[in-house]
Amino acid sequence: MRSPLTLAAGIAVLGSLALVSVHGFVKNLHASRLSEAVGGVEDIGRGALSYARGKAPSEAFPPPAPLTPAEVPRGRPLLDKPGTWDHLTWAALGFKIEHEHSFSFAFESENHVDHASFRARAHGDLDGDGERSTFVLTGEMAPSGATRVVPGLYVDREVE
């Protein structure tokens, strides 16, 4: 028969291992969900820069696309209904999601004679509490026709 001290030490070791494992799992889960938002706005940005190639600033970027899907997923990934990503702007940007996801995306653009800009947004409610994570990538076209993604990514409530 084992002594109570040996049993207590074994339980403590197992508890410590479980704590480290759970922490690692949660951290990886959040990282995978955050990569969806970052990867999504980066894909939209690449699509916008590609669309603008050879165009004047007044027609550089496609028109805005609404938050898609319109309801931000709350607390669990969702699979969209057919046709959700059929908006002409999403087609022009070459962007759609065909698997379960935890974020909704929007595209905003302003085209002027001497300058154009866009914003790609991702919104998610990862824990279902009604508060959203927001990721925003910005890009622009100068009067010279040069396009770029503005350095930096705006992030609000990364893991809310």
Protein backbone atom coordinates (compact mmCIF):
# COMPACT_ATOMS: atom_id res chain seq x y z
CA MET A 1 0.00 0.00 0.00
CA ARG A 2 1.26 3.46 -0.89
CA SER A 3 1.67 6.14 1.68
CA PRO A 4 -0.67 9.17 1.61
CA LEU A 5 2.36 11.40 0.92
CA THR A 6 3.29 9.45 -2.22
CA LEU A 7 -0.31 9.56 -3.42
CA ALA A 8 -0.51 13.33 -2.79
CA ALA A 9 2.76 13.91 -4.66
CA GLY A 10 1.44 11.89 -7.63
CA ILE A 11 -1.81 13.85 -7.73
CA ALA A 12 0.12 17.14 -7.58
CA VAL A 13 2.32 16.12 -10.51
CA LEU A 14 -0.69 15.02 -12.58
CA GLY A 15 -2.52 18.24 -11.72
CA SER A 16 0.45 20.33 -12.84
CA LEU A 17 0.70 18.44 -16.12
CA ALA A 18 -3.02 18.87 -16.74
CA LEU A 19 -2.81 22.61 -16.05
CA VAL A 20 0.06 23.07 -18.52
CA SER A 21 -1.76 21.00 -21.15
CA VAL A 22 -5.05 22.91 -20.80
CA HIS A 23 -3.23 26.26 -20.94
CA GLY A 24 -1.42 25.18 -24.10
CA PHE A 25 -4.65 23.94 -25.70
CA VAL A 26 -6.49 27.21 -24.96
CA LYS A 27 -3.56 29.27 -26.24
CA ASN A 28 -3.44 27.26 -29.50
CA LEU A 29 -7.21 27.54 -29.89
CA HIS A 30 -7.08 31.34 -29.62
CA ALA A 31 -4.08 31.50 -31.97
CA SER A 32 -5.92 29.46 -34.61
CA ARG A 33 -8.98 31.68 -34.39
CA LEU A 34 -6.86 34.84 -34.55
CA SER A 35 -5.03 33.53 -37.60
CA GLU A 36 -8.43 33.33 -39.32
CA ALA A 37 -8.99 37.07 -38.81
CA VAL A 38 -5.44 38.12 -39.70
CA GLY A 39 -5.28 35.79 -42.69
CA GLY A 40 -8.70 36.94 -43.89
CA VAL A 41 -7.92 40.66 -43.89
CA GLU A 42 -4.52 39.94 -45.48
CA ASP A 43 -6.23 37.95 -48.27
CA ILE A 44 -8.71 40.79 -48.82
CA GLY A 45 -5.81 43.28 -48.92
CA ARG A 46 -3.93 41.22 -51.52
CA GLY A 47 -7.12 41.00 -53.57
CA ALA A 48 -7.63 44.77 -53.37
CA LEU A 49 -4.05 45.53 -54.47
CA SER A 50 -4.37 43.05 -57.34
CA TYR A 51 -7.70 44.60 -58.41
CA ALA A 52 -6.12 48.08 -58.42
CA ARG A 53 -3.22 47.10 -60.67
CA GLY A 54 -3.22 49.33 -63.78
CA LYS A 55 -6.20 51.42 -62.68
CA ALA A 56 -6.45 55.13 -61.89
CA PRO A 57 -7.11 56.15 -58.26
CA SER A 58 -10.70 57.10 -59.17
CA GLU A 59 -11.47 53.43 -59.91
CA ALA A 60 -8.74 51.68 -57.91
CA PHE A 61 -10.76 49.56 -55.51
CA PRO A 62 -14.13 47.82 -55.83
CA PRO A 63 -17.16 49.28 -54.05
CA PRO A 64 -17.75 48.47 -50.38
CA ALA A 65 -19.06 45.05 -49.33
CA PRO A 66 -21.23 44.72 -46.24
CA LEU A 67 -20.35 42.70 -43.17
CA THR A 68 -20.47 39.11 -44.38
CA PRO A 69 -22.07 37.12 -42.94
CA ALA A 70 -24.29 39.91 -41.61
CA GLU A 71 -24.52 38.30 -38.16
CA VAL A 72 -21.13 37.95 -36.48
CA PRO A 73 -20.68 34.34 -35.28
CA ARG A 74 -21.19 34.18 -31.50
CA GLY A 75 -19.06 31.79 -29.52
CA ARG A 76 -18.75 29.02 -32.07
CA PRO A 77 -17.69 28.68 -35.70
CA LEU A 78 -20.44 28.61 -38.31
CA LEU A 79 -20.85 27.37 -41.86
CA ASP A 80 -22.46 29.91 -44.21
CA LYS A 81 -25.56 29.34 -46.30
CA PRO A 82 -24.97 29.00 -50.04
CA GLY A 83 -24.71 32.40 -51.72
CA THR A 84 -23.45 34.25 -48.64
CA TRP A 85 -20.25 35.35 -50.45
CA ASP A 86 -21.83 36.10 -53.86
CA HIS A 87 -21.55 39.91 -53.54
CA LEU A 88 -19.77 41.35 -56.59
CA THR A 89 -17.07 42.95 -54.45
CA TRP A 90 -16.12 39.65 -52.81
CA ALA A 91 -15.86 38.13 -56.30
CA ALA A 92 -13.70 41.06 -57.50
CA LEU A 93 -11.40 40.56 -54.50
CA GLY A 94 -11.34 36.78 -54.95
CA PHE A 95 -12.46 36.32 -51.34
CA LYS A 96 -14.92 33.88 -49.82
CA ILE A 97 -14.97 31.38 -46.99
CA GLU A 98 -16.20 27.87 -47.69
CA HIS A 99 -15.57 26.28 -44.29
CA GLU A 100 -16.66 26.91 -40.70
CA HIS A 101 -15.36 30.23 -39.42
CA SER A 102 -15.55 32.50 -36.38
CA PHE A 103 -15.36 35.95 -38.02
CA SER A 104 -17.43 38.16 -40.32
CA PHE A 105 -15.63 40.36 -42.84
CA ALA A 106 -16.33 43.76 -44.43
CA PHE A 107 -14.64 45.83 -47.13
CA GLU A 108 -14.74 49.63 -47.31
CA SER A 109 -13.27 51.74 -50.10
CA GLU A 110 -12.96 55.36 -51.16
CA ASN A 111 -11.84 56.23 -54.69
CA HIS A 112 -10.96 59.83 -55.58
CA VAL A 113 -9.21 61.44 -58.53
CA ASP A 114 -5.89 61.77 -56.72
CA HIS A 115 -6.02 59.11 -53.98
CA ALA A 116 -7.82 55.88 -53.09
CA SER A 117 -7.97 53.81 -49.93
CA PHE A 118 -9.53 50.68 -48.51
CA ARG A 119 -10.13 49.02 -45.16
CA ALA A 120 -10.56 45.28 -44.69
CA ARG A 121 -12.29 44.43 -41.40
CA ALA A 122 -12.82 41.23 -39.43
CA HIS A 123 -15.22 41.04 -36.49
CA GLY A 124 -15.64 38.05 -34.18
CA ASP A 125 -17.26 37.21 -30.87
CA LEU A 126 -15.09 34.29 -29.83
CA ASP A 127 -16.65 33.62 -26.43
CA GLY A 128 -20.27 34.53 -27.29
CA ASP A 129 -20.55 37.36 -24.75
CA GLY A 130 -21.62 40.04 -27.26
CA GLU A 131 -18.25 41.83 -27.26
CA ARG A 132 -16.36 41.74 -30.54
CA SER A 133 -12.76 41.34 -31.55
CA THR A 134 -11.92 43.68 -34.42
CA PHE A 135 -9.03 43.52 -36.89
CA VAL A 136 -8.52 46.22 -39.54
CA LEU A 137 -6.03 46.30 -42.42
CA THR A 138 -5.72 49.50 -44.47
CA GLY A 139 -4.33 50.07 -47.94
CA GLU A 140 -4.04 52.94 -50.40
CA MET A 141 -3.18 54.12 -53.89
CA ALA A 142 -1.16 57.30 -54.36
CA PRO A 143 -1.63 59.76 -57.28
CA SER A 144 1.32 58.02 -58.97
CA GLY A 145 -0.68 54.78 -59.06
CA ALA A 146 1.54 53.07 -56.50
CA THR A 147 -0.43 50.83 -54.16
CA ARG A 148 0.47 49.54 -50.74
CA VAL A 149 -0.87 48.08 -47.55
CA VAL A 150 -0.33 50.60 -44.76
CA PRO A 151 2.09 49.08 -42.22
CA GLY A 152 0.45 47.83 -39.05
CA LEU A 153 -2.77 46.06 -38.26
CA TYR A 154 -5.34 47.67 -35.97
CA VAL A 155 -6.54 45.17 -33.37
CA ASP A 156 -9.17 45.80 -30.71
CA ARG A 157 -9.95 43.15 -28.06
CA GLU A 158 -7.81 40.50 -29.69
CA VAL A 159 -9.26 37.66 -27.63
CA GLU A 160 -12.12 39.64 -26.08
